[in-house]
C-alpha atoms as a PDB file:
ATOM      1  CA  MET A   1     -12.421 -28.853  -4.860  1.00  0.00           C
ATOM      2  CA  ILE A   2     -14.521 -26.557  -2.652  1.00  0.00           C
ATOM      3  CA  GLN A   3     -14.399 -28.995   0.232  1.00  0.00           C
ATOM      4  CA  ARG A   4     -10.683 -28.372   0.813  1.00  0.00           C
ATOM      5  CA  PHE A   5     -11.285 -24.769   1.943  1.00  0.00           C
ATOM      6  CA  VAL A   6     -12.377 -24.320   5.530  1.00  0.00           C
ATOM      7  CA  ARG A   7     -12.970 -20.550   5.160  1.00  0.00           C
ATOM      8  CA  SER A   8     -13.613 -18.340   2.161  1.00  0.00           C
ATOM      9  CA  SER A   9     -10.385 -16.411   2.804  1.00  0.00           C
ATOM     10  CA  GLY A  10      -8.436 -19.523   1.824  1.00  0.00           C
ATOM     11  CA  VAL A  11      -9.713 -19.335  -1.749  1.00  0.00           C
ATOM     12  CA  GLY A  12      -8.064 -15.948  -2.347  1.00  0.00           C
ATOM     13  CA  ALA A  13      -4.827 -17.215  -0.868  1.00  0.00           C
ATOM     14  CA  ASP A  14      -4.919 -20.265  -3.123  1.00  0.00           C
ATOM     15  CA  PHE A  15      -5.210 -18.082  -6.232  1.00  0.00           C
ATOM     16  CA  GLY A  16      -2.481 -15.710  -5.062  1.00  0.00           C
ATOM     17  CA  LEU A  17      -4.748 -12.701  -4.626  1.00  0.00           C
ATOM     18  CA  THR A  18      -3.830 -12.024  -1.000  1.00  0.00           C
ATOM     19  CA  ALA A  19      -1.250  -9.536   0.186  1.00  0.00           C
ATOM     20  CA  ARG A  20       2.253 -10.653   1.045  1.00  0.00           C
ATOM     21  CA  ARG A  21       3.301 -10.169   4.655  1.00  0.00           C
ATOM     22  CA  TYR A  22       6.626  -8.693   5.701  1.00  0.00           C
ATOM     23  CA  GLN A  23       7.437  -9.191   9.360  1.00  0.00           C
ATOM     24  CA  SER A  24      10.782  -8.386  10.922  1.00  0.00           C
ATOM     25  CA  GLY A  25      11.168  -7.369  14.542  1.00  0.00           C
ATOM     26  CA  GLU A  26       8.669  -4.586  15.151  1.00  0.00           C
ATOM     27  CA  VAL A  27       7.882  -4.102  11.453  1.00  0.00           C
ATOM     28  CA  ASP A  28       4.657  -5.678  10.218  1.00  0.00           C
ATOM     29  CA  ARG A  29       3.581  -4.641   6.703  1.00  0.00           C
ATOM     30  CA  ASP A  30       1.236  -5.881   4.014  1.00  0.00           C
ATOM     31  CA  GLY A  31       2.819  -5.889   0.580  1.00  0.00           C
ATOM     32  CA  SER A  32       1.596  -6.462  -2.932  1.00  0.00           C
ATOM     33  CA  VAL A  33      -0.274  -9.495  -4.269  1.00  0.00           C
ATOM     34  CA  SER A  34       1.636 -12.711  -3.568  1.00  0.00           C
ATOM     35  CA  LYS A  35       1.244 -14.182  -7.097  1.00  0.00           C
ATOM     36  CA  CYS A  36       1.268 -17.739  -5.750  1.00  0.00           C
ATOM     37  CA  GLY A  37      -1.133 -20.287  -7.106  1.00  0.00           C
ATOM     38  CA  ASP A  38      -2.669 -20.698 -10.529  1.00  0.00           C
ATOM     39  CA  THR A  39      -1.510 -17.879 -12.827  1.00  0.00           C
ATOM     40  CA  LEU A  40      -4.201 -18.394 -15.445  1.00  0.00           C
ATOM     41  CA  THR A  41      -7.069 -18.231 -12.951  1.00  0.00           C
ATOM     42  CA  ARG A  42      -5.620 -15.095 -11.358  1.00  0.00           C
ATOM     43  CA  THR A  43      -5.247 -13.523 -14.812  1.00  0.00           C
ATOM     44  CA  TYR A  44      -8.835 -14.356 -15.751  1.00  0.00           C
ATOM     45  CA  LEU A  45     -10.176 -12.871 -12.518  1.00  0.00           C
ATOM     46  CA  PHE A  46      -8.100  -9.700 -13.023  1.00  0.00           C
ATOM     47  CA  GLU A  47      -9.292  -9.329 -16.634  1.00  0.00           C
ATOM     48  CA  ALA A  48     -12.918  -9.959 -15.679  1.00  0.00           C
ATOM     49  CA  ALA A  49     -12.688  -7.291 -12.975  1.00  0.00           C
ATOM     50  CA  GLY A  50     -11.244  -4.831 -15.501  1.00  0.00           C
ATOM     51  CA  THR A  51     -14.029  -5.610 -17.941  1.00  0.00           C
ATOM     52  CA  LEU A  52     -16.648  -5.078 -15.233  1.00  0.00           C
ATOM     53  CA  LEU A  53     -15.191  -1.705 -14.282  1.00  0.00           C
ATOM     54  CA  ALA A  54     -14.555  -0.400 -17.802  1.00  0.00           C
ATOM     55  CA  ARG A  55     -16.962  -2.022 -20.260  1.00  0.00           C
ATOM     56  CA  VAL A  56     -20.120  -3.261 -18.539  1.00  0.00           C
ATOM     57  CA  ALA A  57     -22.847  -0.620 -18.732  1.00  0.00           C
ATOM     58  CA  ARG A  58     -25.305  -2.214 -16.331  1.00  0.00           C
ATOM     59  CA  TRP A  59     -25.187  -1.032 -12.708  1.00  0.00           C
ATOM     60  CA  SER A  60     -24.206  -3.376  -9.899  1.00  0.00           C
ATOM     61  CA  ALA A  61     -23.104  -2.863  -6.319  1.00  0.00           C
ATOM     62  CA  LEU A  62     -19.735  -4.453  -7.078  1.00  0.00           C
ATOM     63  CA  LYS A  63     -19.137  -2.117 -10.025  1.00  0.00           C
ATOM     64  CA  ALA A  64     -20.104   0.961  -7.990  1.00  0.00           C
ATOM     65  CA  TRP A  65     -17.806  -0.094  -5.160  1.00  0.00           C
ATOM     66  CA  GLY A  66     -14.945  -0.765  -7.598  1.00  0.00           C
ATOM     67  CA  ALA A  67     -15.419   2.600  -9.341  1.00  0.00           C
ATOM     68  CA  ARG A  68     -15.265   4.469  -6.022  1.00  0.00           C
ATOM     69  CA  LEU A  69     -12.193   2.494  -5.097  1.00  0.00           C
ATOM     70  CA  ALA A  70     -10.524   3.205  -8.455  1.00  0.00           C
ATOM     71  CA  ARG A  71     -10.950   6.945  -7.979  1.00  0.00           C
ATOM     72  CA  ARG A  72      -9.410   6.723  -4.526  1.00  0.00           C
ATOM     73  CA  ILE A  73      -6.505   4.259  -4.914  1.00  0.00           C
ATOM     74  CA  GLY A  74      -6.043   3.721  -8.664  1.00  0.00           C
ATOM     75  CA  SER A  75      -7.450   1.406 -11.275  1.00  0.00           C
ATOM     76  CA  LYS A  76      -5.030  -1.521 -10.983  1.00  0.00           C
ATOM     77  CA  LYS A  77      -5.430  -1.845  -7.220  1.00  0.00           C
ATOM     78  CA  ALA A  78      -9.186  -1.530  -7.632  1.00  0.00           C
ATOM     79  CA  ARG A  79      -9.185  -4.325 -10.224  1.00  0.00           C
ATOM     80  CA  VAL A  80      -7.364  -6.614  -7.792  1.00  0.00           C
ATOM     81  CA  ALA A  81      -9.806  -5.685  -5.030  1.00  0.00           C
ATOM     82  CA  VAL A  82     -12.808  -6.442  -7.271  1.00  0.00           C
ATOM     83  CA  ALA A  83     -11.228  -9.759  -8.311  1.00  0.00           C
ATOM     84  CA  ARG A  84     -10.717 -10.671  -4.642  1.00  0.00           C
ATOM     85  CA  ASN A  85     -14.251  -9.632  -3.798  1.00  0.00           C
ATOM     86  CA  TRP A  86     -15.625 -11.938  -6.495  1.00  0.00           C
ATOM     87  CA  LEU A  87     -14.169 -14.909  -4.679  1.00  0.00           C
END
């Protein structure tokens, strides 16, 4: 399965964890998560990221980064970012 991805960014797109693009004329915006791909895998990654941020007591660089991000942009967006970073 790994052989079908040329770059690591393709894995996030396959699970639907990349931002949607809206392009019209001069407007070019990133939207919310696309939600394409395997729903169960995306759900498991999101739940695992939430568990890492809220329940795991041991320090890690990913947890510290996610906690800083959660304070700045909110917990749900931070959970998605941590899930994407895991890929």
